[in-house]
Amino acid sequence: MKKLILVRHAKSDWPEETEDFDRPLADKGLEDAINMSRFLKNNNISIDFLVSSPAVRALNTCKIFNQTYNLDVKTDEKLYNPSESNFESVIYDLDDNHDTVAFFSHNNGISNFANSISQDVFHFPTCGVAGFEIDCDSWSEFDGAKKKLSFFYEPNKI
C-alpha cells in the first residue's frame, strides 16, 4: 500500500513587479502551513518524502512542513502549473522505498488531479491537504491501482 498526500501551497502574496514563480507566502500562509504540518504530525500522519514545485510559494510551504517532518525534499518543475499527466509523471519517478509521499503544488492542477483519481469532488483551498491510499506495492502500478481518499483537511477547519 502506497499513500499520496497532495498539498496546495499556502496563501501567497503578490507584491508589485513580482513574477508568478517568485510570489512569497503571505503571513496567513506562513501561519497556515505551520498549523497544518503540526496538525498532520499530531494526528500520526506519516510522510516519508516531500516533492515540491520549485515556485517560491510552494517550496516555502514544503520547507515549513519539513521543519515538522525533517525529510529529504526534492523539487520537480512538473509540479508548477501542472496537468494531471504531470502528477502521474512525477509519481512514476518515485522510489519504491518511499511509501508515503507528499506533493506540494498549485491550483487548478492539484484540484483537477485529485478529482481525476477520486470519486470525491475537490477544490483545494490554499494549504488544503488530501491523502489517498493507493492499492499497490510499486509507484509504477499507480495508474491501474485502486485509489481511496483517506482524509481532506482545510486550514480554517482544523
N, C-alpha and C. Protein backbone atom coordinates (compact mmCIF):
# COMPACT_ATOMS: atom_id res chain seq x y z
N MET A 1 0.85 -1.19 0.00
CA MET A 1 0.00 0.00 0.00
C MET A 1 0.89 1.24 0.00
N LYS A 2 0.64 2.13 -0.94
CA LYS A 2 1.32 3.42 -1.01
C LYS A 2 0.32 4.50 -0.60
N LYS A 3 0.84 5.62 -0.14
CA LYS A 3 -0.02 6.75 0.23
C LYS A 3 0.52 8.01 -0.43
N LEU A 4 -0.39 8.77 -1.01
CA LEU A 4 -0.06 10.02 -1.68
C LEU A 4 -0.79 11.15 -0.97
N ILE A 5 -0.05 12.17 -0.58
CA ILE A 5 -0.63 13.34 0.07
C ILE A 5 -0.42 14.54 -0.86
N LEU A 6 -1.51 15.21 -1.17
CA LEU A 6 -1.45 16.38 -2.04
C LEU A 6 -1.66 17.63 -1.19
N VAL A 7 -0.74 18.58 -1.32
CA VAL A 7 -0.81 19.82 -0.54
C VAL A 7 -0.78 21.00 -1.52
N ARG A 8 -1.82 21.82 -1.47
CA ARG A 8 -1.77 23.07 -2.24
C ARG A 8 -0.95 24.07 -1.43
N HIS A 9 -0.12 24.83 -2.10
CA HIS A 9 0.70 25.83 -1.40
C HIS A 9 -0.18 26.71 -0.51
N ALA A 10 0.42 27.23 0.55
CA ALA A 10 -0.29 28.11 1.47
C ALA A 10 -0.54 29.47 0.81
N LYS A 11 -1.36 30.27 1.47
CA LYS A 11 -1.75 31.60 0.96
C LYS A 11 -0.51 32.42 0.60
N SER A 12 -0.54 32.95 -0.61
CA SER A 12 0.61 33.72 -1.07
C SER A 12 0.27 35.20 -1.22
N ASP A 13 1.30 35.96 -1.38
CA ASP A 13 1.20 37.39 -1.59
C ASP A 13 1.59 37.63 -3.06
N TRP A 14 1.29 38.79 -3.58
CA TRP A 14 1.71 39.11 -4.94
C TRP A 14 2.18 40.56 -4.99
N PRO A 15 3.38 40.81 -4.45
CA PRO A 15 3.90 42.19 -4.47
C PRO A 15 4.05 42.69 -5.91
N GLU A 16 3.97 44.01 -6.06
CA GLU A 16 4.15 44.60 -7.39
C GLU A 16 5.47 44.16 -8.00
N GLU A 17 5.45 44.01 -9.31
CA GLU A 17 6.64 43.65 -10.09
C GLU A 17 7.26 42.31 -9.68
N THR A 18 6.42 41.41 -9.15
CA THR A 18 6.89 40.07 -8.80
C THR A 18 6.30 39.09 -9.80
N GLU A 19 7.15 38.27 -10.40
CA GLU A 19 6.68 37.24 -11.32
C GLU A 19 5.90 36.18 -10.55
N ASP A 20 4.99 35.49 -11.22
CA ASP A 20 4.19 34.45 -10.59
C ASP A 20 5.07 33.43 -9.86
N PHE A 21 6.13 32.99 -10.51
CA PHE A 21 7.02 31.97 -9.94
C PHE A 21 7.63 32.41 -8.61
N ASP A 22 7.86 33.71 -8.45
CA ASP A 22 8.58 34.24 -7.29
C ASP A 22 7.68 34.75 -6.17
N ARG A 23 6.39 34.51 -6.27
CA ARG A 23 5.47 35.02 -5.24
C ARG A 23 5.77 34.40 -3.88
N PRO A 24 5.90 35.23 -2.83
CA PRO A 24 6.18 34.71 -1.49
C PRO A 24 4.89 34.32 -0.77
N LEU A 25 5.05 33.65 0.36
CA LEU A 25 3.89 33.36 1.20
C LEU A 25 3.48 34.62 1.96
N ALA A 26 2.19 34.78 2.13
CA ALA A 26 1.65 35.84 2.97
C ALA A 26 1.79 35.41 4.43
N ASP A 27 1.65 36.34 5.35
CA ASP A 27 1.73 35.99 6.78
C ASP A 27 0.72 34.90 7.13
N LYS A 28 -0.49 35.01 6.59
CA LYS A 28 -1.52 33.98 6.84
C LYS A 28 -1.07 32.63 6.30
N GLY A 29 -0.40 32.64 5.16
CA GLY A 29 0.11 31.40 4.59
C GLY A 29 1.16 30.75 5.47
N LEU A 30 2.06 31.55 6.00
CA LEU A 30 3.08 31.02 6.92
C LEU A 30 2.42 30.37 8.13
N GLU A 31 1.45 31.06 8.70
CA GLU A 31 0.73 30.54 9.87
C GLU A 31 -0.03 29.26 9.53
N ASP A 32 -0.74 29.25 8.40
CA ASP A 32 -1.50 28.05 8.00
C ASP A 32 -0.59 26.85 7.76
N ALA A 33 0.55 27.07 7.12
CA ALA A 33 1.47 25.96 6.84
C ALA A 33 2.03 25.38 8.13
N ILE A 34 2.39 26.23 9.07
CA ILE A 34 2.88 25.75 10.37
C ILE A 34 1.79 24.94 11.06
N ASN A 35 0.58 25.50 11.12
CA ASN A 35 -0.53 24.82 11.80
C ASN A 35 -0.89 23.50 11.13
N MET A 36 -0.94 23.49 9.80
CA MET A 36 -1.32 22.27 9.08
C MET A 36 -0.28 21.18 9.25
N SER A 37 0.99 21.52 9.14
CA SER A 37 2.04 20.50 9.27
C SER A 37 2.02 19.90 10.68
N ARG A 38 1.84 20.73 11.68
CA ARG A 38 1.77 20.22 13.07
C ARG A 38 0.51 19.38 13.28
N PHE A 39 -0.61 19.82 12.68
CA PHE A 39 -1.85 19.06 12.78
C PHE A 39 -1.67 17.66 12.21
N LEU A 40 -1.07 17.56 11.03
CA LEU A 40 -0.85 16.25 10.42
C LEU A 40 0.04 15.38 11.29
N LYS A 41 1.14 15.93 11.75
CA LYS A 41 2.09 15.18 12.58
C LYS A 41 1.41 14.73 13.88
N ASN A 42 0.66 15.63 14.52
CA ASN A 42 -0.03 15.31 15.78
C ASN A 42 -1.12 14.27 15.60
N ASN A 43 -1.60 14.12 14.36
CA ASN A 43 -2.63 13.11 14.06
C ASN A 43 -2.01 11.86 13.43
N ASN A 44 -0.73 11.68 13.67
CA ASN A 44 0.00 10.48 13.26
C ASN A 44 -0.04 10.22 11.76
N ILE A 45 -0.04 11.27 10.98
CA ILE A 45 0.05 11.13 9.53
C ILE A 45 1.53 11.17 9.17
N SER A 46 2.04 10.02 8.80
CA SER A 46 3.47 9.93 8.49
C SER A 46 3.71 10.29 7.03
N ILE A 47 4.87 10.82 6.78
CA ILE A 47 5.32 11.15 5.43
C ILE A 47 6.77 10.71 5.33
N ASP A 48 7.12 10.07 4.21
CA ASP A 48 8.49 9.59 4.00
C ASP A 48 9.34 10.52 3.13
N PHE A 49 8.67 11.28 2.26
CA PHE A 49 9.41 12.03 1.24
C PHE A 49 8.55 13.20 0.78
N LEU A 50 9.19 14.34 0.47
CA LEU A 50 8.49 15.54 0.03
C LEU A 50 8.97 15.93 -1.37
N VAL A 51 8.00 16.21 -2.25
CA VAL A 51 8.32 16.68 -3.60
C VAL A 51 7.53 17.96 -3.84
N SER A 52 8.24 19.02 -4.24
CA SER A 52 7.60 20.32 -4.37
C SER A 52 7.84 20.93 -5.74
N SER A 53 6.85 21.71 -6.16
CA SER A 53 7.06 22.65 -7.24
C SER A 53 8.21 23.56 -6.81
N PRO A 54 9.06 23.99 -7.74
CA PRO A 54 10.14 24.90 -7.37
C PRO A 54 9.69 26.35 -7.17
N ALA A 55 8.43 26.67 -7.47
CA ALA A 55 7.94 28.04 -7.28
C ALA A 55 8.04 28.40 -5.79
N VAL A 56 8.38 29.64 -5.52
CA VAL A 56 8.69 30.09 -4.16
C VAL A 56 7.59 29.74 -3.16
N ARG A 57 6.32 30.03 -3.51
CA ARG A 57 5.24 29.80 -2.54
C ARG A 57 5.04 28.33 -2.22
N ALA A 58 5.20 27.45 -3.20
CA ALA A 58 5.06 26.01 -2.96
C ALA A 58 6.27 25.48 -2.19
N LEU A 59 7.45 25.86 -2.62
CA LEU A 59 8.67 25.37 -1.97
C LEU A 59 8.75 25.86 -0.52
N ASN A 60 8.35 27.09 -0.26
CA ASN A 60 8.35 27.56 1.12
C ASN A 60 7.32 26.84 1.98
N THR A 61 6.17 26.51 1.40
CA THR A 61 5.18 25.69 2.13
C THR A 61 5.81 24.34 2.46
N CYS A 62 6.46 23.74 1.50
CA CYS A 62 7.13 22.46 1.70
C CYS A 62 8.21 22.56 2.79
N LYS A 63 8.99 23.62 2.76
CA LYS A 63 10.06 23.79 3.76
C LYS A 63 9.48 23.94 5.16
N ILE A 64 8.33 24.59 5.28
CA ILE A 64 7.68 24.70 6.59
C ILE A 64 7.23 23.32 7.07
N PHE A 65 6.64 22.53 6.18
CA PHE A 65 6.26 21.16 6.54
C PHE A 65 7.51 20.38 6.95
N ASN A 66 8.60 20.63 6.27
CA ASN A 66 9.83 19.89 6.57
C ASN A 66 10.42 20.27 7.92
N GLN A 67 10.11 21.44 8.43
CA GLN A 67 10.53 21.79 9.80
C GLN A 67 9.85 20.86 10.81
N THR A 68 8.68 20.36 10.47
CA THR A 68 7.96 19.43 11.33
C THR A 68 8.41 17.99 11.08
N TYR A 69 8.65 17.63 9.81
CA TYR A 69 8.91 16.23 9.46
C TYR A 69 10.39 15.87 9.28
N ASN A 70 11.26 16.82 8.96
CA ASN A 70 12.70 16.57 8.78
C ASN A 70 13.00 15.44 7.79
N LEU A 71 12.67 15.67 6.54
CA LEU A 71 12.83 14.67 5.48
C LEU A 71 13.68 15.21 4.34
N ASP A 72 13.92 14.34 3.36
CA ASP A 72 14.54 14.79 2.13
C ASP A 72 13.49 15.52 1.30
N VAL A 73 13.89 16.59 0.64
CA VAL A 73 13.00 17.36 -0.22
C VAL A 73 13.57 17.36 -1.63
N LYS A 74 12.69 17.12 -2.58
CA LYS A 74 13.06 17.18 -4.00
C LYS A 74 12.14 18.21 -4.66
N THR A 75 12.68 18.97 -5.59
CA THR A 75 11.81 19.84 -6.38
C THR A 75 11.65 19.22 -7.76
N ASP A 76 10.50 19.46 -8.36
CA ASP A 76 10.23 18.96 -9.70
C ASP A 76 9.41 20.00 -10.45
N GLU A 77 9.98 20.51 -11.54
CA GLU A 77 9.31 21.55 -12.32
C GLU A 77 7.95 21.11 -12.86
N LYS A 78 7.73 19.81 -12.95
CA LYS A 78 6.44 19.31 -13.46
C LYS A 78 5.29 19.66 -12.52
N LEU A 79 5.58 20.01 -11.26
CA LEU A 79 4.53 20.35 -10.31
C LEU A 79 4.18 21.84 -10.32
N TYR A 80 4.83 22.62 -11.19
CA TYR A 80 4.50 24.03 -11.37
C TYR A 80 3.57 24.15 -12.58
N ASN A 81 2.40 24.76 -12.39
CA ASN A 81 1.36 24.82 -13.43
C ASN A 81 1.10 23.44 -14.04
N PRO A 82 0.80 22.46 -13.19
CA PRO A 82 0.74 21.07 -13.65
C PRO A 82 -0.58 20.66 -14.29
N SER A 83 -0.47 19.69 -15.18
CA SER A 83 -1.65 18.98 -15.69
C SER A 83 -1.71 17.65 -14.92
N GLU A 84 -2.79 16.91 -15.11
CA GLU A 84 -2.90 15.60 -14.43
C GLU A 84 -1.74 14.69 -14.82
N SER A 85 -1.35 14.72 -16.10
CA SER A 85 -0.26 13.85 -16.55
C SER A 85 1.08 14.24 -15.92
N ASN A 86 1.24 15.52 -15.56
CA ASN A 86 2.46 15.94 -14.87
C ASN A 86 2.57 15.23 -13.52
N PHE A 87 1.47 15.18 -12.78
CA PHE A 87 1.48 14.50 -11.48
C PHE A 87 1.84 13.03 -11.67
N GLU A 88 1.22 12.39 -12.64
CA GLU A 88 1.50 10.97 -12.87
C GLU A 88 2.96 10.76 -13.24
N SER A 89 3.52 11.62 -14.04
CA SER A 89 4.93 11.51 -14.41
C SER A 89 5.84 11.58 -13.18
N VAL A 90 5.53 12.47 -12.25
CA VAL A 90 6.31 12.58 -11.01
C VAL A 90 6.13 11.31 -10.17
N ILE A 91 4.91 10.81 -10.12
CA ILE A 91 4.63 9.58 -9.36
C ILE A 91 5.46 8.42 -9.90
N TYR A 92 5.50 8.27 -11.22
CA TYR A 92 6.23 7.15 -11.82
C TYR A 92 7.74 7.25 -11.59
N ASP A 93 8.23 8.44 -11.28
CA ASP A 93 9.66 8.63 -10.98
C ASP A 93 10.01 8.37 -9.52
N LEU A 94 9.00 8.12 -8.68
CA LEU A 94 9.26 7.92 -7.24
C LEU A 94 9.96 6.60 -6.97
N ASP A 95 10.81 6.63 -5.97
CA ASP A 95 11.50 5.43 -5.49
C ASP A 95 10.51 4.61 -4.66
N ASP A 96 10.44 3.32 -4.90
CA ASP A 96 9.50 2.46 -4.16
C ASP A 96 9.84 2.33 -2.69
N ASN A 97 11.00 2.78 -2.26
CA ASN A 97 11.33 2.79 -0.84
C ASN A 97 10.48 3.81 -0.07
N HIS A 98 9.90 4.77 -0.79
CA HIS A 98 9.04 5.78 -0.17
C HIS A 98 7.59 5.28 -0.23
N ASP A 99 7.01 5.03 0.94
CA ASP A 99 5.63 4.54 0.97
C ASP A 99 4.60 5.67 1.04
N THR A 100 4.97 6.78 1.67
CA THR A 100 4.05 7.91 1.79
C THR A 100 4.77 9.17 1.33
N VAL A 101 4.27 9.74 0.25
CA VAL A 101 4.92 10.89 -0.37
C VAL A 101 3.94 12.06 -0.42
N ALA A 102 4.44 13.26 -0.10
CA ALA A 102 3.63 14.47 -0.18
C ALA A 102 4.11 15.32 -1.35
N PHE A 103 3.16 15.78 -2.18
CA PHE A 103 3.43 16.68 -3.28
C PHE A 103 2.91 18.07 -2.91
N PHE A 104 3.71 19.10 -3.19
CA PHE A 104 3.33 20.49 -2.95
C PHE A 104 3.19 21.16 -4.31
N SER A 105 1.96 21.61 -4.61
CA SER A 105 1.72 22.11 -5.95
C SER A 105 0.67 23.23 -5.94
N HIS A 106 0.04 23.46 -7.09
CA HIS A 106 -0.78 24.63 -7.34
C HIS A 106 -2.14 24.24 -7.90
N ASN A 107 -3.11 25.16 -7.73
CA ASN A 107 -4.39 25.03 -8.42
C ASN A 107 -4.23 25.65 -9.79
N ASN A 108 -4.94 25.24 -10.76
CA ASN A 108 -6.06 24.32 -10.77
C ASN A 108 -5.59 22.86 -10.90
N GLY A 109 -4.33 22.69 -11.19
CA GLY A 109 -3.80 21.36 -11.44
C GLY A 109 -4.01 20.38 -10.30
N ILE A 110 -3.77 20.82 -9.06
CA ILE A 110 -3.87 19.88 -7.94
C ILE A 110 -5.32 19.45 -7.71
N SER A 111 -6.26 20.39 -7.87
CA SER A 111 -7.68 20.03 -7.74
C SER A 111 -8.10 19.10 -8.87
N ASN A 112 -7.68 19.40 -10.09
CA ASN A 112 -8.03 18.56 -11.24
C ASN A 112 -7.47 17.15 -11.07
N PHE A 113 -6.22 17.05 -10.61
CA PHE A 113 -5.62 15.73 -10.42
C PHE A 113 -6.35 14.95 -9.33
N ALA A 114 -6.64 15.60 -8.20
CA ALA A 114 -7.37 14.92 -7.12
C ALA A 114 -8.72 14.42 -7.62
N ASN A 115 -9.41 15.24 -8.41
CA ASN A 115 -10.71 14.83 -8.96
C ASN A 115 -10.56 13.69 -9.95
N SER A 116 -9.43 13.60 -10.63
CA SER A 116 -9.24 12.53 -11.61
C SER A 116 -8.98 11.18 -10.96
N ILE A 117 -8.55 11.17 -9.69
CA ILE A 117 -8.25 9.89 -9.03
C ILE A 117 -9.23 9.55 -7.92
N SER A 118 -10.27 10.36 -7.75
CA SER A 118 -11.20 10.15 -6.65
C SER A 118 -12.63 10.38 -7.09
N GLN A 119 -13.55 9.71 -6.41
CA GLN A 119 -14.97 9.94 -6.65
C GLN A 119 -15.44 11.22 -5.95
N ASP A 120 -14.63 11.68 -5.00
CA ASP A 120 -14.97 12.89 -4.26
C ASP A 120 -14.65 14.12 -5.11
N VAL A 121 -15.36 15.20 -4.89
CA VAL A 121 -15.13 16.41 -5.67
C VAL A 121 -14.32 17.38 -4.82
N PHE A 122 -13.24 17.86 -5.40
CA PHE A 122 -12.31 18.72 -4.67
C PHE A 122 -12.17 20.08 -5.30
N HIS A 123 -12.04 21.06 -4.44
CA HIS A 123 -11.46 22.33 -4.82
C HIS A 123 -10.57 22.69 -3.64
N PHE A 124 -9.28 22.59 -3.83
CA PHE A 124 -8.33 22.82 -2.75
C PHE A 124 -8.27 24.30 -2.38
N PRO A 125 -8.50 24.62 -1.11
CA PRO A 125 -8.17 25.97 -0.67
C PRO A 125 -6.65 26.04 -0.50
N THR A 126 -6.11 27.23 -0.32
CA THR A 126 -4.68 27.31 -0.05
C THR A 126 -4.38 26.54 1.23
N CYS A 127 -3.32 25.77 1.20
CA CYS A 127 -2.85 24.90 2.28
C CYS A 127 -3.83 23.75 2.58
N GLY A 128 -4.73 23.46 1.63
CA GLY A 128 -5.58 22.29 1.76
C GLY A 128 -4.74 21.04 1.53
N VAL A 129 -5.12 19.94 2.21
CA VAL A 129 -4.35 18.71 2.15
C VAL A 129 -5.30 17.53 1.96
N ALA A 130 -5.02 16.69 0.97
CA ALA A 130 -5.78 15.47 0.74
C ALA A 130 -4.84 14.27 0.77
N GLY A 131 -5.26 13.22 1.44
CA GLY A 131 -4.47 12.00 1.50
C GLY A 131 -5.20 10.85 0.83
N PHE A 132 -4.47 10.08 0.04
CA PHE A 132 -5.05 8.96 -0.69
C PHE A 132 -4.28 7.67 -0.41
N GLU A 133 -5.00 6.57 -0.26
CA GLU A 133 -4.39 5.25 -0.21
C GLU A 133 -4.40 4.70 -1.62
N ILE A 134 -3.24 4.22 -2.05
CA ILE A 134 -3.10 3.67 -3.40
C ILE A 134 -2.80 2.18 -3.23
N ASP A 135 -3.69 1.34 -3.72
CA ASP A 135 -3.56 -0.10 -3.51
C ASP A 135 -2.55 -0.69 -4.49
N CYS A 136 -1.26 -0.49 -4.17
CA CYS A 136 -0.19 -1.02 -5.00
C CYS A 136 1.08 -1.14 -4.14
N ASP A 137 2.02 -1.92 -4.62
CA ASP A 137 3.30 -2.08 -3.93
C ASP A 137 4.40 -1.26 -4.59
N SER A 138 4.14 -0.83 -5.82
CA SER A 138 5.12 -0.04 -6.56
C SER A 138 4.42 1.17 -7.18
N TRP A 139 5.10 2.32 -7.15
CA TRP A 139 4.53 3.51 -7.76
C TRP A 139 4.28 3.32 -9.25
N SER A 140 4.99 2.39 -9.86
CA SER A 140 4.80 2.12 -11.29
C SER A 140 3.42 1.53 -11.58
N GLU A 141 2.73 1.05 -10.55
CA GLU A 141 1.39 0.46 -10.70
C GLU A 141 0.28 1.48 -10.44
N PHE A 142 0.64 2.74 -10.29
CA PHE A 142 -0.32 3.77 -9.88
C PHE A 142 -1.56 3.84 -10.77
N ASP A 143 -1.36 3.87 -12.07
CA ASP A 143 -2.48 4.10 -12.99
C ASP A 143 -3.60 3.09 -12.80
N GLY A 144 -3.27 1.80 -12.72
CA GLY A 144 -4.30 0.77 -12.61
C GLY A 144 -4.73 0.45 -11.19
N ALA A 145 -4.10 1.08 -10.20
CA ALA A 145 -4.37 0.76 -8.80
C ALA A 145 -5.66 1.42 -8.31
N LYS A 146 -6.30 0.76 -7.37
CA LYS A 146 -7.48 1.33 -6.71
C LYS A 146 -7.00 2.45 -5.78
N LYS A 147 -7.72 3.58 -5.82
CA LYS A 147 -7.34 4.74 -5.02
C LYS A 147 -8.51 5.13 -4.12
N LYS A 148 -8.19 5.43 -2.86
CA LYS A 148 -9.24 5.78 -1.91
C LYS A 148 -8.82 7.00 -1.11
N LEU A 149 -9.74 7.97 -0.98
CA LEU A 149 -9.49 9.15 -0.16
C LEU A 149 -9.45 8.74 1.30
N SER A 150 -8.37 9.14 2.00
CA SER A 150 -8.24 8.87 3.44
C SER A 150 -8.66 10.08 4.26
N PHE A 151 -8.30 11.27 3.79
CA PHE A 151 -8.64 12.49 4.52
C PHE A 151 -8.55 13.70 3.60
N PHE A 152 -9.23 14.75 4.02
CA PHE A 152 -9.15 16.05 3.36
C PHE A 152 -9.28 17.11 4.44
N TYR A 153 -8.24 17.93 4.57
CA TYR A 153 -8.23 18.96 5.61
C TYR A 153 -8.05 20.35 4.98
N GLU A 154 -8.77 21.30 5.56
CA GLU A 154 -8.66 22.70 5.17
C GLU A 154 -8.16 23.48 6.38
N PRO A 155 -7.29 24.47 6.16
CA PRO A 155 -6.68 25.17 7.30
C PRO A 155 -7.70 25.83 8.25
N ASN A 156 -8.80 26.33 7.70
CA ASN A 156 -9.76 27.01 8.58
C ASN A 156 -10.70 26.04 9.29
N LYS A 157 -10.49 24.71 9.09
CA LYS A 157 -11.36 23.71 9.74
C LYS A 157 -10.59 22.74 10.63
N ILE A 158 -9.34 23.05 10.91
CA ILE A 158 -8.58 22.16 11.79
C ILE A 158 -8.38 22.81 13.16
